[in-house]
């Protein structure tokens, strides 16, 4: 929950101050803290026998909520294509849901790449850092977003194929 709240706060600052550099400079450090919170939460739940169905649901939902709250405001920053940002966020959500759906059909929760959650975090952290330090987004930003879209589509396909193959192997 803390990760979702923090991501919403940082994303809100980007939305409220889209012309300012400083909110973009918060993205990388925040993502580092968010990943640490996520790892600690899972580790504590496993070590103390407190894993629960509710925790699993909240983990998946707050991850995609956090991503959307943090990444969608980039669409307000000059130089970023709003359409490409929305598409990256949508496909990122679809990527995670593909992994979850595989578990629903009897496979393991899929984390196949090439462009998973950590990769998206790195890309947005890097974009925030570069644009935050230089004060402007060059044309390269939208080319990077297009590459991210391609990688997300490949990730969705890989997760679906791997999940289906896993289910097929178990039935044989």
Protein backbone atom coordinates (compact mmCIF):
# COMPACT_ATOMS: atom_id res chain seq x y z
CA UNK A 1 0.00 0.00 0.00
CA UNK A 2 2.88 2.35 0.81
CA UNK A 3 4.28 1.79 -2.69
CA UNK A 4 0.97 2.77 -4.29
CA UNK A 5 0.65 5.86 -2.10
CA UNK A 6 4.24 6.95 -2.76
CA UNK A 7 3.91 6.37 -6.51
CA UNK A 8 0.70 8.39 -6.53
CA UNK A 9 2.42 11.23 -4.68
CA UNK A 10 5.43 11.33 -7.02
CA UNK A 11 3.18 10.97 -10.09
CA UNK A 12 0.96 13.74 -8.70
CA UNK A 13 3.97 16.05 -8.43
CA UNK A 14 4.89 15.35 -12.07
CA UNK A 15 1.27 16.06 -13.06
CA UNK A 16 1.07 19.28 -11.02
CA UNK A 17 4.49 20.58 -12.13
CA UNK A 18 5.00 19.19 -15.66
CA UNK A 19 7.40 21.99 -16.65
CA UNK A 20 9.61 21.54 -13.57
CA UNK A 21 12.63 19.25 -13.57
CA UNK A 22 12.69 18.33 -9.89
CA UNK A 23 9.65 16.00 -9.87
CA UNK A 24 11.24 13.94 -12.65
CA UNK A 25 14.40 13.62 -10.58
CA UNK A 26 12.34 11.94 -7.84
CA UNK A 27 11.27 9.05 -10.09
CA UNK A 28 14.50 7.01 -9.99
CA UNK A 29 15.07 7.24 -6.22
CA UNK A 30 11.39 6.55 -5.57
CA UNK A 31 11.44 3.46 -7.79
CA UNK A 32 14.45 2.17 -5.84
CA UNK A 33 12.55 2.64 -2.55
CA UNK A 34 9.43 1.08 -4.07
CA UNK A 35 11.31 -2.03 -5.20
CA UNK A 36 12.86 -2.34 -1.75
CA UNK A 37 9.44 -2.07 -0.10
CA UNK A 38 8.08 -4.73 -2.46
CA UNK A 39 10.97 -7.11 -1.72
CA UNK A 40 10.78 -6.56 2.04
CA UNK A 41 7.01 -7.08 2.08
CA UNK A 42 7.23 -10.40 0.25
CA UNK A 43 10.19 -11.61 2.27
CA UNK A 44 8.54 -10.79 5.60
CA UNK A 45 5.29 -12.46 4.58
CA UNK A 46 7.12 -15.66 3.61
CA UNK A 47 9.48 -15.74 6.61
CA UNK A 48 6.73 -15.17 9.16
CA UNK A 49 4.13 -17.41 7.54
CA UNK A 50 1.81 -14.51 6.76
CA UNK A 51 1.35 -15.07 3.04
CA UNK A 52 -2.32 -14.71 2.22
CA UNK A 53 -4.67 -14.66 -0.73
CA UNK A 54 -5.52 -11.04 0.08
CA UNK A 55 -1.81 -10.17 0.12
CA UNK A 56 -1.38 -11.80 -3.29
CA UNK A 57 -4.29 -9.85 -4.75
CA UNK A 58 -3.11 -6.58 -3.22
CA UNK A 59 0.44 -7.17 -4.44
CA UNK A 60 -0.66 -7.59 -8.06
CA UNK A 61 -3.20 -4.76 -8.00
CA UNK A 62 -1.02 -2.22 -6.22
CA UNK A 63 1.84 -2.93 -8.64
CA UNK A 64 -0.22 -1.95 -11.69
CA UNK A 65 -1.90 0.93 -9.82
CA UNK A 66 1.54 2.20 -8.77
CA UNK A 67 2.88 1.99 -12.31
CA UNK A 68 -0.11 3.83 -13.77
CA UNK A 69 -0.05 6.53 -11.09
CA UNK A 70 3.67 7.13 -11.55
CA UNK A 71 4.04 6.75 -15.33
CA UNK A 72 0.85 8.31 -16.75
CA UNK A 73 1.81 11.84 -15.62
CA UNK A 74 4.79 11.67 -18.00
CA UNK A 75 2.15 12.32 -20.69
CA UNK A 76 1.89 15.90 -19.34
CA UNK A 77 5.62 16.57 -19.66
CA UNK A 78 6.60 18.50 -22.78
CA UNK A 79 8.28 16.28 -25.35
CA UNK A 80 6.62 13.00 -24.31
CA UNK A 81 3.91 11.74 -26.64
CA UNK A 82 0.78 11.35 -24.49
CA UNK A 83 -0.49 8.60 -26.79
CA UNK A 84 2.75 6.61 -26.47
CA UNK A 85 2.84 7.02 -22.68
CA UNK A 86 -0.74 5.77 -22.40
CA UNK A 87 0.06 2.84 -24.68
CA UNK A 88 3.16 1.92 -22.66
CA UNK A 89 1.15 2.01 -19.42
CA UNK A 90 -1.69 -0.01 -20.95
CA UNK A 91 0.67 -2.64 -22.35
CA UNK A 92 2.59 -2.73 -19.06
CA UNK A 93 -0.66 -3.53 -17.27
CA UNK A 94 -1.53 -6.13 -19.90
CA UNK A 95 1.95 -7.65 -19.47
CA UNK A 96 1.41 -8.13 -15.74
CA UNK A 97 -2.12 -9.43 -16.22
CA UNK A 98 -0.86 -11.95 -18.77
CA UNK A 99 1.48 -13.30 -16.11
CA UNK A 100 -1.40 -13.52 -13.62
CA UNK A 101 -3.76 -15.15 -16.12
CA UNK A 102 -1.21 -17.89 -16.72
CA UNK A 103 -1.48 -18.79 -13.03
CA UNK A 104 -5.26 -18.85 -13.43
CA UNK A 105 -5.06 -21.47 -16.18
CA UNK A 106 -2.80 -23.74 -14.13
CA UNK A 107 0.68 -22.51 -15.06
CA UNK A 108 3.01 -20.63 -12.75
CA UNK A 109 2.84 -16.84 -12.43
CA UNK A 110 4.85 -15.86 -15.50
CA UNK A 111 7.64 -13.27 -15.32
CA UNK A 112 9.13 -13.87 -18.78
CA UNK A 113 10.77 -10.94 -20.58
CA UNK A 114 12.21 -9.16 -22.37
CA UNK A 115 10.51 -6.15 -20.71
CA UNK A 116 9.15 -6.82 -17.25
CA UNK A 117 8.34 -4.56 -14.32
CA UNK A 118 11.95 -3.87 -13.34
CA UNK A 119 12.90 -3.05 -16.93
CA UNK A 120 10.03 -0.55 -17.18
CA UNK A 121 11.07 0.97 -13.86
CA UNK A 122 14.65 1.35 -15.11
CA UNK A 123 13.47 2.96 -18.37
CA UNK A 124 11.17 5.46 -16.63
CA UNK A 125 13.78 6.20 -13.99
CA UNK A 126 16.37 6.86 -16.70
CA UNK A 127 13.99 9.06 -18.70
CA UNK A 128 13.13 11.01 -15.56
CA UNK A 129 16.80 11.46 -14.73
CA UNK A 130 17.87 12.57 -18.21
CA UNK A 131 14.92 14.90 -18.80
CA UNK A 132 15.17 16.17 -15.22
CA UNK A 133 18.86 16.99 -15.62
CA UNK A 134 18.70 18.43 -19.14
CA UNK A 135 15.36 20.18 -18.78
CA UNK A 136 13.99 18.86 -22.06
CA UNK A 137 12.99 15.68 -23.82
CA UNK A 138 14.47 15.21 -27.25
CA UNK A 139 12.96 13.23 -30.10
CA UNK A 140 14.81 10.19 -28.74
CA UNK A 141 12.22 9.94 -25.92
CA UNK A 142 9.44 8.95 -28.28
CA UNK A 143 11.71 6.53 -30.13
CA UNK A 144 12.49 4.94 -26.78
CA UNK A 145 8.77 4.73 -26.00
CA UNK A 146 8.18 3.01 -29.37
CA UNK A 147 10.94 0.50 -28.55
CA UNK A 148 9.32 -0.07 -25.15
CA UNK A 149 6.00 -0.77 -26.87
CA UNK A 150 7.62 -3.36 -29.13
CA UNK A 151 9.35 -5.00 -26.16
CA UNK A 152 6.09 -5.04 -24.18
CA UNK A 153 4.25 -6.77 -27.02
CA UNK A 154 7.04 -9.37 -27.19
CA UNK A 155 6.83 -9.83 -23.41
CA UNK A 156 3.07 -10.41 -23.55
CA UNK A 157 3.53 -12.99 -26.30
CA UNK A 158 6.38 -14.70 -24.42
CA UNK A 159 4.41 -14.89 -21.18
CA UNK A 160 1.32 -16.26 -22.90
CA UNK A 161 3.31 -18.82 -24.91
CA UNK A 162 5.32 -19.95 -21.89
CA UNK A 163 2.21 -20.28 -19.73
CA UNK A 164 0.36 -22.25 -22.37
CA UNK A 165 3.38 -24.48 -22.99
CA UNK A 166 3.68 -25.15 -19.24
CA UNK A 167 0.02 -26.17 -19.01
CA UNK A 168 0.37 -28.39 -22.11
CA UNK A 169 3.47 -30.14 -20.67
CA UNK A 170 1.61 -30.89 -17.42
CA UNK A 171 -1.29 -32.48 -19.30
CA UNK A 172 0.93 -34.78 -21.37
